[in-house]
Amino acid sequence: MGNHGPDVLTDLRLPVRELRRRIPAVYEGFAATHHAALADGALDTATKELMALAISVVQQCDGCIASHARGAQRAGATEEQVAEAIGVSILMAGGPATVYGPRALAAFQEFAQAASGTQE
């Protein structure tokens, strides 16, 4: 494994850092929105991360998939919950989600394996 989760975020690290250096106010605003949107509220953070992961699949965004797969794992979402959220993505986006959905599940599994210290 190792190509849908941590590796995607690693590949993005330097280009994001460069752009953030050039437009820091935009990134600061986005970070504030990110934290506010995903904070526990009427919906818990895990549910919100699953929603963001499902939207990431629909938007076909590998970096978003990796980020929200990691967020869902950190927030305590289960593999079954991830699979069901991906199922909703397939309902809403059809065929393209059948390509990006497995990427999302693999990313979640990679982060879960890293967190548990195991490798398959």
PDB file of N, CA and C in Angstrom:
ATOM      1  N   MET A   1       0.846  -1.188   0.000  1.00  0.00           N
ATOM      2  CA  MET A   1       0.000   0.000   0.000  1.00  0.00           C
ATOM      3  C   MET A   1       0.883   1.240   0.000  1.00  0.00           C
ATOM      4  N   GLY A   2       0.377   2.309   0.529  1.00  0.00           N
ATOM      5  CA  GLY A   2       1.193   3.481   0.704  1.00  0.00           C
ATOM      6  C   GLY A   2       1.191   4.454  -0.463  1.00  0.00           C
ATOM      7  N   ASN A   3       0.093   4.562  -1.211  1.00  0.00           N
ATOM      8  CA  ASN A   3       0.102   5.540  -2.283  1.00  0.00           C
ATOM      9  C   ASN A   3      -1.178   6.353  -2.401  1.00  0.00           C
ATOM     10  N   HIS A   4      -2.044   6.278  -1.448  1.00  0.00           N
ATOM     11  CA  HIS A   4      -3.276   7.067  -1.505  1.00  0.00           C
ATOM     12  C   HIS A   4      -3.436   7.980  -0.304  1.00  0.00           C
ATOM     13  N   GLY A   5      -2.690   7.752   0.743  1.00  0.00           N
ATOM     14  CA  GLY A   5      -2.836   8.530   1.968  1.00  0.00           C
ATOM     15  C   GLY A   5      -1.600   9.348   2.277  1.00  0.00           C
ATOM     16  N   PRO A   6      -0.721   8.832   3.137  1.00  0.00           N
ATOM     17  CA  PRO A   6       0.447   9.604   3.550  1.00  0.00           C
ATOM     18  C   PRO A   6       1.326  10.059   2.392  1.00  0.00           C
ATOM     19  N   ASP A   7       1.516   9.227   1.380  1.00  0.00           N
ATOM     20  CA  ASP A   7       2.380   9.609   0.258  1.00  0.00           C
ATOM     21  C   ASP A   7       1.816  10.798  -0.507  1.00  0.00           C
ATOM     22  N   VAL A   8       0.502  10.848  -0.665  1.00  0.00           N
ATOM     23  CA  VAL A   8      -0.117  11.988  -1.356  1.00  0.00           C
ATOM     24  C   VAL A   8       0.151  13.267  -0.574  1.00  0.00           C
ATOM     25  N   LEU A   9      -0.020  13.219   0.736  1.00  0.00           N
ATOM     26  CA  LEU A   9       0.207  14.414   1.548  1.00  0.00           C
ATOM     27  C   LEU A   9       1.673  14.814   1.531  1.00  0.00           C
ATOM     28  N   THR A  10       2.567  13.839   1.524  1.00  0.00           N
ATOM     29  CA  THR A  10       3.999  14.130   1.446  1.00  0.00           C
ATOM     30  C   THR A  10       4.338  14.809   0.124  1.00  0.00           C
ATOM     31  N   ASP A  11       3.781  14.312  -0.970  1.00  0.00           N
ATOM     32  CA  ASP A  11       4.040  14.900  -2.286  1.00  0.00           C
ATOM     33  C   ASP A  11       3.546  16.344  -2.370  1.00  0.00           C
ATOM     34  N   LEU A  12       2.506  16.675  -1.637  1.00  0.00           N
ATOM     35  CA  LEU A  12       1.939  18.023  -1.678  1.00  0.00           C
ATOM     36  C   LEU A  12       2.633  18.994  -0.722  1.00  0.00           C
ATOM     37  N   ARG A  13       3.382  18.482   0.225  1.00  0.00           N
ATOM     38  CA  ARG A  13       3.936  19.317   1.303  1.00  0.00           C
ATOM     39  C   ARG A  13       4.732  20.519   0.766  1.00  0.00           C
ATOM     40  N   LEU A  14       5.704  20.296  -0.099  1.00  0.00           N
ATOM     41  CA  LEU A  14       6.542  21.395  -0.571  1.00  0.00           C
ATOM     42  C   LEU A  14       5.790  22.376  -1.466  1.00  0.00           C
ATOM     43  N   PRO A  15       5.005  21.910  -2.447  1.00  0.00           N
ATOM     44  CA  PRO A  15       4.267  22.885  -3.257  1.00  0.00           C
ATOM     45  C   PRO A  15       3.284  23.718  -2.427  1.00  0.00           C
ATOM     46  N   VAL A  16       2.641  23.098  -1.462  1.00  0.00           N
ATOM     47  CA  VAL A  16       1.706  23.844  -0.604  1.00  0.00           C
ATOM     48  C   VAL A  16       2.471  24.864   0.226  1.00  0.00           C
ATOM     49  N   ARG A  17       3.592  24.451   0.773  1.00  0.00           N
ATOM     50  CA  ARG A  17       4.397  25.367   1.587  1.00  0.00           C
ATOM     51  C   ARG A  17       4.806  26.594   0.767  1.00  0.00           C
ATOM     52  N   GLU A  18       5.204  26.381  -0.485  1.00  0.00           N
ATOM     53  CA  GLU A  18       5.606  27.487  -1.356  1.00  0.00           C
ATOM     54  C   GLU A  18       4.429  28.432  -1.625  1.00  0.00           C
ATOM     55  N   LEU A  19       3.288  27.879  -1.955  1.00  0.00           N
ATOM     56  CA  LEU A  19       2.128  28.729  -2.229  1.00  0.00           C
ATOM     57  C   LEU A  19       1.669  29.450  -0.965  1.00  0.00           C
ATOM     58  N   ARG A  20       1.688  28.745   0.158  1.00  0.00           N
ATOM     59  CA  ARG A  20       1.285  29.365   1.425  1.00  0.00           C
ATOM     60  C   ARG A  20       2.206  30.540   1.772  1.00  0.00           C
ATOM     61  N   ARG A  21       3.481  30.418   1.439  1.00  0.00           N
ATOM     62  CA  ARG A  21       4.436  31.499   1.687  1.00  0.00           C
ATOM     63  C   ARG A  21       4.066  32.733   0.855  1.00  0.00           C
ATOM     64  N   ARG A  22       3.535  32.509  -0.337  1.00  0.00           N
ATOM     65  CA  ARG A  22       3.203  33.610  -1.239  1.00  0.00           C
ATOM     66  C   ARG A  22       1.848  34.253  -0.926  1.00  0.00           C
ATOM     67  N   ILE A  23       0.906  33.458  -0.387  1.00  0.00           N
ATOM     68  CA  ILE A  23      -0.430  33.998  -0.092  1.00  0.00           C
ATOM     69  C   ILE A  23      -0.866  33.571   1.316  1.00  0.00           C
ATOM     70  N   PRO A  24      -0.136  34.034   2.319  1.00  0.00           N
ATOM     71  CA  PRO A  24      -0.409  33.573   3.684  1.00  0.00           C
ATOM     72  C   PRO A  24      -1.807  33.928   4.187  1.00  0.00           C
ATOM     73  N   ALA A  25      -2.330  35.067   3.833  1.00  0.00           N
ATOM     74  CA  ALA A  25      -3.648  35.456   4.338  1.00  0.00           C
ATOM     75  C   ALA A  25      -4.733  34.523   3.821  1.00  0.00           C
ATOM     76  N   VAL A  26      -4.604  34.072   2.588  1.00  0.00           N
ATOM     77  CA  VAL A  26      -5.586  33.134   2.024  1.00  0.00           C
ATOM     78  C   VAL A  26      -5.542  31.827   2.810  1.00  0.00           C
ATOM     79  N   TYR A  27      -4.341  31.318   3.059  1.00  0.00           N
ATOM     80  CA  TYR A  27      -4.213  30.070   3.799  1.00  0.00           C
ATOM     81  C   TYR A  27      -4.663  30.219   5.249  1.00  0.00           C
ATOM     82  N   GLU A  28      -4.406  31.370   5.858  1.00  0.00           N
ATOM     83  CA  GLU A  28      -4.875  31.590   7.225  1.00  0.00           C
ATOM     84  C   GLU A  28      -6.403  31.596   7.272  1.00  0.00           C
ATOM     85  N   GLY A  29      -7.031  32.228   6.312  1.00  0.00           N
ATOM     86  CA  GLY A  29      -8.492  32.239   6.247  1.00  0.00           C
ATOM     87  C   GLY A  29      -9.057  30.850   6.009  1.00  0.00           C
ATOM     88  N   PHE A  30      -8.424  30.104   5.107  1.00  0.00           N
ATOM     89  CA  PHE A  30      -8.882  28.745   4.837  1.00  0.00           C
ATOM     90  C   PHE A  30      -8.718  27.866   6.076  1.00  0.00           C
ATOM     91  N   ALA A  31      -7.598  28.016   6.773  1.00  0.00           N
ATOM     92  CA  ALA A  31      -7.366  27.222   7.988  1.00  0.00           C
ATOM     93  C   ALA A  31      -8.426  27.526   9.043  1.00  0.00           C
ATOM     94  N   ALA A  32      -8.780  28.787   9.185  1.00  0.00           N
ATOM     95  CA  ALA A  32      -9.815  29.154  10.162  1.00  0.00           C
ATOM     96  C   ALA A  32     -11.155  28.540   9.774  1.00  0.00           C
ATOM     97  N   THR A  33     -11.500  28.583   8.488  1.00  0.00           N
ATOM     98  CA  THR A  33     -12.750  27.983   8.019  1.00  0.00           C
ATOM     99  C   THR A  33     -12.726  26.477   8.235  1.00  0.00           C
ATOM    100  N   HIS A  34     -11.605  25.861   7.923  1.00  0.00           N
ATOM    101  CA  HIS A  34     -11.432  24.407   8.089  1.00  0.00           C
ATOM    102  C   HIS A  34     -11.685  24.001   9.536  1.00  0.00           C
ATOM    103  N   HIS A  35     -11.034  24.694  10.451  1.00  0.00           N
ATOM    104  CA  HIS A  35     -11.187  24.356  11.874  1.00  0.00           C
ATOM    105  C   HIS A  35     -12.612  24.596  12.363  1.00  0.00           C
ATOM    106  N   ALA A  36     -13.212  25.682  11.938  1.00  0.00           N
ATOM    107  CA  ALA A  36     -14.580  25.994  12.366  1.00  0.00           C
ATOM    108  C   ALA A  36     -15.571  24.978  11.808  1.00  0.00           C
ATOM    109  N   ALA A  37     -15.406  24.617  10.548  1.00  0.00           N
ATOM    110  CA  ALA A  37     -16.354  23.699   9.912  1.00  0.00           C
ATOM    111  C   ALA A  37     -16.274  22.282  10.486  1.00  0.00           C
ATOM    112  N   LEU A  38     -15.082  21.868  10.901  1.00  0.00           N
ATOM    113  CA  LEU A  38     -14.909  20.489  11.362  1.00  0.00           C
ATOM    114  C   LEU A  38     -14.965  20.337  12.881  1.00  0.00           C
ATOM    115  N   ALA A  39     -15.155  21.423  13.598  1.00  0.00           N
ATOM    116  CA  ALA A  39     -15.237  21.345  15.061  1.00  0.00           C
ATOM    117  C   ALA A  39     -16.502  20.599  15.478  1.00  0.00           C
ATOM    118  N   ASP A  40     -16.415  19.932  16.631  1.00  0.00           N
ATOM    119  CA  ASP A  40     -17.604  19.283  17.186  1.00  0.00           C
ATOM    120  C   ASP A  40     -18.714  20.305  17.377  1.00  0.00           C
ATOM    121  N   GLY A  41     -19.902  19.901  17.045  1.00  0.00           N
ATOM    122  CA  GLY A  41     -21.087  20.743  17.225  1.00  0.00           C
ATOM    123  C   GLY A  41     -22.282  19.821  17.245  1.00  0.00           C
ATOM    124  N   ALA A  42     -23.349  20.183  16.551  1.00  0.00           N
ATOM    125  CA  ALA A  42     -24.498  19.292  16.447  1.00  0.00           C
ATOM    126  C   ALA A  42     -24.079  17.984  15.774  1.00  0.00           C
ATOM    127  N   LEU A  43     -23.107  18.077  14.868  1.00  0.00           N
ATOM    128  CA  LEU A  43     -22.462  16.886  14.277  1.00  0.00           C
ATOM    129  C   LEU A  43     -21.066  16.779  14.866  1.00  0.00           C
ATOM    130  N   ASP A  44     -20.647  15.565  15.185  1.00  0.00           N
ATOM    131  CA  ASP A  44     -19.298  15.414  15.718  1.00  0.00           C
ATOM    132  C   ASP A  44     -18.270  15.478  14.586  1.00  0.00           C
ATOM    133  N   THR A  45     -17.015  15.667  14.967  1.00  0.00           N
ATOM    134  CA  THR A  45     -15.941  15.818  13.994  1.00  0.00           C
ATOM    135  C   THR A  45     -15.822  14.602  13.083  1.00  0.00           C
ATOM    136  N   ALA A  46     -15.980  13.406  13.602  1.00  0.00           N
ATOM    137  CA  ALA A  46     -15.874  12.207  12.768  1.00  0.00           C
ATOM    138  C   ALA A  46     -16.921  12.233  11.650  1.00  0.00           C
ATOM    139  N   THR A  47     -18.145  12.604  11.985  1.00  0.00           N
ATOM    140  CA  THR A  47     -19.204  12.677  10.974  1.00  0.00           C
ATOM    141  C   THR A  47     -18.864  13.724   9.925  1.00  0.00           C
ATOM    142  N   LYS A  48     -18.372  14.860  10.366  1.00  0.00           N
ATOM    143  CA  LYS A  48     -18.004  15.921   9.432  1.00  0.00           C
ATOM    144  C   LYS A  48     -16.850  15.487   8.530  1.00  0.00           C
ATOM    145  N   GLU A  49     -15.880  14.765   9.086  1.00  0.00           N
ATOM    146  CA  GLU A  49     -14.769  14.264   8.268  1.00  0.00           C
ATOM    147  C   GLU A  49     -15.263  13.244   7.247  1.00  0.00           C
ATOM    148  N   LEU A  50     -16.229  12.417   7.631  1.00  0.00           N
ATOM    149  CA  LEU A  50     -16.810  11.467   6.677  1.00  0.00           C
ATOM    150  C   LEU A  50     -17.532  12.209   5.559  1.00  0.00           C
ATOM    151  N   MET A  51     -18.234  13.285   5.906  1.00  0.00           N
ATOM    152  CA  MET A  51     -18.900  14.093   4.882  1.00  0.00           C
ATOM    153  C   MET A  51     -17.860  14.702   3.937  1.00  0.00           C
ATOM    154  N   ALA A  52     -16.795  15.237   4.518  1.00  0.00           N
ATOM    155  CA  ALA A  52     -15.743  15.847   3.696  1.00  0.00           C
ATOM    156  C   ALA A  52     -15.064  14.792   2.820  1.00  0.00           C
ATOM    157  N   LEU A  53     -14.887  13.592   3.353  1.00  0.00           N
ATOM    158  CA  LEU A  53     -14.291  12.513   2.566  1.00  0.00           C
ATOM    159  C   LEU A  53     -15.199  12.142   1.400  1.00  0.00           C
ATOM    160  N   ALA A  54     -16.495  12.042   1.651  1.00  0.00           N
ATOM    161  CA  ALA A  54     -17.440  11.717   0.582  1.00  0.00           C
ATOM    162  C   ALA A  54     -17.433  12.799  -0.503  1.00  0.00           C
ATOM    163  N   ILE A  55     -17.392  14.046  -0.096  1.00  0.00           N
ATOM    164  CA  ILE A  55     -17.336  15.144  -1.062  1.00  0.00           C
ATOM    165  C   ILE A  55     -16.011  15.100  -1.826  1.00  0.00           C
ATOM    166  N   SER A  56     -14.932  14.757  -1.155  1.00  0.00           N
ATOM    167  CA  SER A  56     -13.630  14.640  -1.811  1.00  0.00           C
ATOM    168  C   SER A  56     -13.649  13.596  -2.911  1.00  0.00           C
ATOM    169  N   VAL A  57     -14.348  12.493  -2.676  1.00  0.00           N
ATOM    170  CA  VAL A  57     -14.499  11.454  -3.695  1.00  0.00           C
ATOM    171  C   VAL A  57     -15.277  12.016  -4.879  1.00  0.00           C
ATOM    172  N   VAL A  58     -16.385  12.693  -4.608  1.00  0.00           N
ATOM    173  CA  VAL A  58     -17.206  13.267  -5.672  1.00  0.00           C
ATOM    174  C   VAL A  58     -16.402  14.309  -6.466  1.00  0.00           C
ATOM    175  N   GLN A  59     -15.585  15.080  -5.788  1.00  0.00           N
ATOM    176  CA  GLN A  59     -14.775  16.114  -6.450  1.00  0.00           C
ATOM    177  C   GLN A  59     -13.514  15.545  -7.108  1.00  0.00           C
ATOM    178  N   GLN A  60     -13.237  14.260  -6.889  1.00  0.00           N
ATOM    179  CA  GLN A  60     -12.087  13.583  -7.489  1.00  0.00           C
ATOM    180  C   GLN A  60     -10.771  14.269  -7.123  1.00  0.00           C
ATOM    181  N   CYS A  61     -10.624  14.586  -5.841  1.00  0.00           N
ATOM    182  CA  CYS A  61      -9.466  15.326  -5.339  1.00  0.00           C
ATOM    183  C   CYS A  61      -8.620  14.410  -4.450  1.00  0.00           C
ATOM    184  N   ASP A  62      -7.521  13.906  -5.000  1.00  0.00           N
ATOM    185  CA  ASP A  62      -6.687  12.972  -4.240  1.00  0.00           C
ATOM    186  C   ASP A  62      -6.112  13.600  -2.970  1.00  0.00           C
ATOM    187  N   GLY A  63      -5.690  14.855  -3.032  1.00  0.00           N
ATOM    188  CA  GLY A  63      -5.169  15.513  -1.834  1.00  0.00           C
ATOM    189  C   GLY A  63      -6.234  15.672  -0.768  1.00  0.00           C
ATOM    190  N   CYS A  64      -7.448  16.000  -1.196  1.00  0.00           N
ATOM    191  CA  CYS A  64      -8.569  16.131  -0.258  1.00  0.00           C
ATOM    192  C   CYS A  64      -8.918  14.772   0.339  1.00  0.00           C
ATOM    193  N   ILE A  65      -8.917  13.745  -0.500  1.00  0.00           N
ATOM    194  CA  ILE A  65      -9.190  12.386  -0.019  1.00  0.00           C
ATOM    195  C   ILE A  65      -8.193  12.019   1.068  1.00  0.00           C
ATOM    196  N   ALA A  66      -6.910  12.242   0.798  1.00  0.00           N
ATOM    197  CA  ALA A  66      -5.880  11.893   1.782  1.00  0.00           C
ATOM    198  C   ALA A  66      -6.068  12.679   3.074  1.00  0.00           C
ATOM    199  N   SER A  67      -6.314  13.976   2.948  1.00  0.00           N
ATOM    200  CA  SER A  67      -6.469  14.810   4.132  1.00  0.00           C
ATOM    201  C   SER A  67      -7.664  14.393   4.979  1.00  0.00           C
ATOM    202  N   HIS A  68      -8.795  14.126   4.338  1.00  0.00           N
ATOM    203  CA  HIS A  68      -9.992  13.797   5.101  1.00  0.00           C
ATOM    204  C   HIS A  68     -10.042  12.329   5.510  1.00  0.00           C
ATOM    205  N   ALA A  69      -9.340  11.462   4.802  1.00  0.00           N
ATOM    206  CA  ALA A  69      -9.174  10.083   5.290  1.00  0.00           C
ATOM    207  C   ALA A  69      -8.381  10.108   6.590  1.00  0.00           C
ATOM    208  N   ARG A  70      -7.315  10.910   6.615  1.00  0.00           N
ATOM    209  CA  ARG A  70      -6.526  11.067   7.844  1.00  0.00           C
ATOM    210  C   ARG A  70      -7.387  11.682   8.941  1.00  0.00           C
ATOM    211  N   GLY A  71      -8.152  12.721   8.604  1.00  0.00           N
ATOM    212  CA  GLY A  71      -9.013  13.361   9.595  1.00  0.00           C
ATOM    213  C   GLY A  71     -10.053  12.414  10.147  1.00  0.00           C
ATOM    214  N   ALA A  72     -10.659  11.607   9.276  1.00  0.00           N
ATOM    215  CA  ALA A  72     -11.666  10.643   9.729  1.00  0.00           C
ATOM    216  C   ALA A  72     -11.035   9.609  10.655  1.00  0.00           C
ATOM    217  N   GLN A  73      -9.853   9.145  10.298  1.00  0.00           N
ATOM    218  CA  GLN A  73      -9.163   8.157  11.142  1.00  0.00           C
ATOM    219  C   GLN A  73      -8.842   8.765  12.505  1.00  0.00           C
ATOM    220  N   ARG A  74      -8.308   9.968  12.494  1.00  0.00           N
ATOM    221  CA  ARG A  74      -7.946  10.629  13.753  1.00  0.00           C
ATOM    222  C   ARG A  74      -9.162  10.924  14.617  1.00  0.00           C
ATOM    223  N   ALA A  75     -10.302  11.172  13.970  1.00  0.00           N
ATOM    224  CA  ALA A  75     -11.531  11.498  14.713  1.00  0.00           C
ATOM    225  C   ALA A  75     -12.260  10.256  15.198  1.00  0.00           C
ATOM    226  N   GLY A  76     -11.751   9.066  14.849  1.00  0.00           N
ATOM    227  CA  GLY A  76     -12.339   7.836  15.363  1.00  0.00           C
ATOM    228  C   GLY A  76     -13.347   7.156  14.456  1.00  0.00           C
ATOM    229  N   ALA A  77     -13.439   7.584  13.206  1.00  0.00           N
ATOM    230  CA  ALA A  77     -14.353   6.906  12.281  1.00  0.00           C
ATOM    231  C   ALA A  77     -13.865   5.475  12.051  1.00  0.00           C
ATOM    232  N   THR A  78     -14.792   4.595  11.779  1.00  0.00           N
ATOM    233  CA  THR A  78     -14.446   3.200  11.523  1.00  0.00           C
ATOM    234  C   THR A  78     -14.360   2.952  10.015  1.00  0.00           C
ATOM    235  N   GLU A  79     -13.734   1.851   9.658  1.00  0.00           N
ATOM    236  CA  GLU A  79     -13.648   1.472   8.255  1.00  0.00           C
ATOM    237  C   GLU A  79     -15.036   1.248   7.661  1.00  0.00           C
ATOM    238  N   GLU A  80     -15.945   0.711   8.452  1.00  0.00           N
ATOM    239  CA  GLU A  80     -17.316   0.497   7.986  1.00  0.00           C
ATOM    240  C   GLU A  80     -18.011   1.829   7.708  1.00  0.00           C
ATOM    241  N   GLN A  81     -17.800   2.820   8.573  1.00  0.00           N
ATOM    242  CA  GLN A  81     -18.387   4.137   8.356  1.00  0.00           C
ATOM    243  C   GLN A  81     -17.819   4.791   7.094  1.00  0.00           C
ATOM    244  N   VAL A  82     -16.521   4.640   6.883  1.00  0.00           N
ATOM    245  CA  VAL A  82     -15.886   5.165   5.672  1.00  0.00           C
ATOM    246  C   VAL A  82     -16.502   4.509   4.444  1.00  0.00           C
ATOM    247  N   ALA A  83     -16.638   3.190   4.479  1.00  0.00           N
ATOM    248  CA  ALA A  83     -17.211   2.472   3.334  1.00  0.00           C
ATOM    249  C   ALA A  83     -18.625   2.966   3.041  1.00  0.00           C
ATOM    250  N   GLU A  84     -19.440   3.168   4.069  1.00  0.00           N
ATOM    251  CA  GLU A  84     -20.804   3.647   3.842  1.00  0.00           C
ATOM    252  C   GLU A  84     -20.820   5.069   3.300  1.00  0.00           C
ATOM    253  N   ALA A  85     -19.929   5.929   3.789  1.00  0.00           N
ATOM    254  CA  ALA A  85     -19.838   7.295   3.259  1.00  0.00           C
ATOM    255  C   ALA A  85     -19.446   7.261   1.778  1.00  0.00           C
ATOM    256  N   ILE A  86     -18.528   6.361   1.438  1.00  0.00           N
ATOM    257  CA  ILE A  86     -18.140   6.204   0.035  1.00  0.00           C
ATOM    258  C   ILE A  86     -19.326   5.708  -0.781  1.00  0.00           C
ATOM    259  N   GLY A  87     -20.144   4.855  -0.192  1.00  0.00           N
ATOM    260  CA  GLY A  87     -21.354   4.393  -0.871  1.00  0.00           C
ATOM    261  C   GLY A  87     -22.267   5.543  -1.246  1.00  0.00           C
ATOM    262  N   VAL A  88     -22.385   6.527  -0.376  1.00  0.00           N
ATOM    263  CA  VAL A  88     -23.201   7.706  -0.685  1.00  0.00           C
ATOM    264  C   VAL A  88     -22.548   8.492  -1.827  1.00  0.00           C
ATOM    265  N   SER A  89     -21.230   8.557  -1.839  1.00  0.00           N
ATOM    266  CA  SER A  89     -20.530   9.221  -2.946  1.00  0.00           C
ATOM    267  C   SER A  89     -20.851   8.553  -4.271  1.00  0.00           C
ATOM    268  N   ILE A  90     -20.875   7.223  -4.266  1.00  0.00           N
ATOM    269  CA  ILE A  90     -21.194   6.486  -5.490  1.00  0.00           C
ATOM    270  C   ILE A  90     -22.626   6.781  -5.926  1.00  0.00           C
ATOM    271  N   LEU A  91     -23.551   6.837  -4.963  1.00  0.00           N
ATOM    272  CA  LEU A  91     -24.935   7.207  -5.281  1.00  0.00           C
ATOM    273  C   LEU A  91     -24.988   8.552  -5.976  1.00  0.00           C
ATOM    274  N   MET A  92     -24.263   9.526  -5.453  1.00  0.00           N
ATOM    275  CA  MET A  92     -24.371  10.895  -5.932  1.00  0.00           C
ATOM    276  C   MET A  92     -23.526  11.184  -7.166  1.00  0.00           C
ATOM    277  N   ALA A  93     -22.422  10.451  -7.349  1.00  0.00           N
ATOM    278  CA  ALA A  93     -21.508  10.774  -8.449  1.00  0.00           C
ATOM    279  C   ALA A  93     -21.402   9.678  -9.498  1.00  0.00           C
ATOM    280  N   GLY A  94     -21.912   8.504  -9.197  1.00  0.00           N
ATOM    281  CA  GLY A  94     -21.867   7.422 -10.176  1.00  0.00           C
ATOM    282  C   GLY A  94     -20.475   6.887 -10.432  1.00  0.00           C
ATOM    283  N   GLY A  95     -20.217   6.578 -11.688  1.00  0.00           N
ATOM    284  CA  GLY A  95     -18.993   5.893 -12.095  1.00  0.00           C
ATOM    285  C   GLY A  95     -17.691   6.489 -11.588  1.00  0.00           C
ATOM    286  N   PRO A  96     -17.477   7.808 -11.694  1.00  0.00           N
ATOM    287  CA  PRO A  96     -16.215   8.348 -11.199  1.00  0.00           C
ATOM    288  C   PRO A  96     -15.960   8.041  -9.716  1.00  0.00           C
ATOM    289  N   ALA A  97     -17.013   7.971  -8.928  1.00  0.00           N
ATOM    290  CA  ALA A  97     -16.842   7.651  -7.507  1.00  0.00           C
ATOM    291  C   ALA A  97     -16.446   6.193  -7.309  1.00  0.00           C
ATOM    292  N   THR A  98     -16.728   5.342  -8.298  1.00  0.00           N
ATOM    293  CA  THR A  98     -16.280   3.952  -8.174  1.00  0.00           C
ATOM    294  C   THR A  98     -14.774   3.850  -8.411  1.00  0.00           C
ATOM    295  N   VAL A  99     -14.159   4.900  -8.955  1.00  0.00           N
ATOM    296  CA  VAL A  99     -12.704   4.965  -9.114  1.00  0.00           C
ATOM    297  C   VAL A  99     -12.072   5.637  -7.898  1.00  0.00           C
ATOM    298  N   TYR A 100     -12.632   6.764  -7.478  1.00  0.00           N
ATOM    299  CA  TYR A 100     -12.051   7.519  -6.369  1.00  0.00           C
ATOM    300  C   TYR A 100     -12.459   6.964  -5.010  1.00  0.00           C
ATOM    301  N   GLY A 101     -13.571   6.263  -4.922  1.00  0.00           N
ATOM    302  CA  GLY A 101     -13.993   5.645  -3.668  1.00  0.00           C
ATOM    303  C   GLY A 101     -12.983   4.646  -3.143  1.00  0.00           C
ATOM    304  N   PRO A 102     -12.510   3.715  -3.975  1.00  0.00           N
ATOM    305  CA  PRO A 102     -11.487   2.791  -3.486  1.00  0.00           C
ATOM    306  C   PRO A 102     -10.210   3.500  -3.047  1.00  0.00           C
ATOM    307  N   ARG A 103      -9.880   4.601  -3.691  1.00  0.00           N
ATOM    308  CA  ARG A 103      -8.716   5.388  -3.260  1.00  0.00           C
ATOM    309  C   ARG A 103      -8.939   5.920  -1.850  1.00  0.00           C
ATOM    310  N   ALA A 104     -10.163   6.360  -1.579  1.00  0.00           N
ATOM    311  CA  ALA A 104     -10.479   6.897  -0.259  1.00  0.00           C
ATOM    312  C   ALA A 104     -10.398   5.808   0.809  1.00  0.00           C
ATOM    313  N   LEU A 105     -10.925   4.629   0.493  1.00  0.00           N
ATOM    314  CA  LEU A 105     -10.845   3.530   1.454  1.00  0.00           C
ATOM    315  C   LEU A 105      -9.392   3.136   1.693  1.00  0.00           C
ATOM    316  N   ALA A 106      -8.612   3.051   0.625  1.00  0.00           N
ATOM    317  CA  ALA A 106      -7.193   2.695   0.771  1.00  0.00           C
ATOM    318  C   ALA A 106      -6.454   3.741   1.597  1.00  0.00           C
ATOM    319  N   ALA A 107      -6.759   5.016   1.372  1.00  0.00           N
ATOM    320  CA  ALA A 107      -6.109   6.075   2.157  1.00  0.00           C
ATOM    321  C   ALA A 107      -6.449   5.933   3.631  1.00  0.00           C
ATOM    322  N   PHE A 108      -7.721   5.708   3.937  1.00  0.00           N
ATOM    323  CA  PHE A 108      -8.131   5.524   5.328  1.00  0.00           C
ATOM    324  C   PHE A 108      -7.393   4.331   5.939  1.00  0.00           C
ATOM    325  N   GLN A 109      -7.328   3.238   5.215  1.00  0.00           N
ATOM    326  CA  GLN A 109      -6.643   2.050   5.713  1.00  0.00           C
ATOM    327  C   GLN A 109      -5.163   2.323   5.961  1.00  0.00           C
ATOM    328  N   GLU A 110      -4.520   3.091   5.083  1.00  0.00           N
ATOM    329  CA  GLU A 110      -3.111   3.426   5.269  1.00  0.00           C
ATOM    330  C   GLU A 110      -2.904   4.233   6.546  1.00  0.00           C
ATOM    331  N   PHE A 111      -3.773   5.226   6.788  1.00  0.00           N
ATOM    332  CA  PHE A 111      -3.650   6.015   8.008  1.00  0.00           C
ATOM    333  C   PHE A 111      -3.957   5.178   9.249  1.00  0.00           C
ATOM    334  N   ALA A 112      -4.937   4.305   9.157  1.00  0.00           N
ATOM    335  CA  ALA A 112      -5.274   3.439  10.285  1.00  0.00           C
ATOM    336  C   ALA A 112      -4.118   2.491  10.586  1.00  0.00           C
ATOM    337  N   GLN A 113      -3.509   1.933   9.558  1.00  0.00           N
ATOM    338  CA  GLN A 113      -2.371   1.028   9.760  1.00  0.00           C
ATOM    339  C   GLN A 113      -1.193   1.774  10.367  1.00  0.00           C
ATOM    340  N   ALA A 114      -0.935   2.985   9.878  1.00  0.00           N
ATOM    341  CA  ALA A 114       0.156   3.774  10.436  1.00  0.00           C
ATOM    342  C   ALA A 114      -0.097   4.101  11.903  1.00  0.00           C
ATOM    343  N   ALA A 115      -1.345   4.418  12.238  1.00  0.00           N
ATOM    344  CA  ALA A 115      -1.689   4.746  13.618  1.00  0.00           C
ATOM    345  C   ALA A 115      -1.552   3.552  14.541  1.00  0.00           C
ATOM    346  N   SER A 116      -1.822   2.349  13.996  1.00  0.00           N
ATOM    347  CA  SER A 116      -1.721   1.151  14.831  1.00  0.00           C
ATOM    348  C   SER A 116      -0.320   0.555  14.809  1.00  0.00           C
ATOM    349  N   GLY A 117       0.538   1.097  13.940  1.00  0.00           N
ATOM    350  CA  GLY A 117       1.915   0.594  13.861  1.00  0.00           C
ATOM    351  C   GLY A 117       2.044  -0.706  13.108  1.00  0.00           C
ATOM    352  N   THR A 118       1.029  -1.073  12.313  1.00  0.00           N
ATOM    353  CA  THR A 118       1.098  -2.318  11.537  1.00  0.00           C
ATOM    354  C   THR A 118       1.162  -2.007  10.061  1.00  0.00           C
ATOM    355  N   GLN A 119       1.663  -2.940   9.298  1.00  0.00           N
ATOM    356  CA  GLN A 119       1.690  -2.854   7.847  1.00  0.00           C
ATOM    357  C   GLN A 119       1.147  -4.144   7.288  1.00  0.00           C
ATOM    358  N   GLU A 120       0.367  -4.040   6.212  1.00  0.00           N
ATOM    359  CA  GLU A 120      -0.142  -5.259   5.563  1.00  0.00           C
ATOM    360  C   GLU A 120       0.743  -5.661   4.440  1.00  0.00           C
TER     361      GLU A 120
END
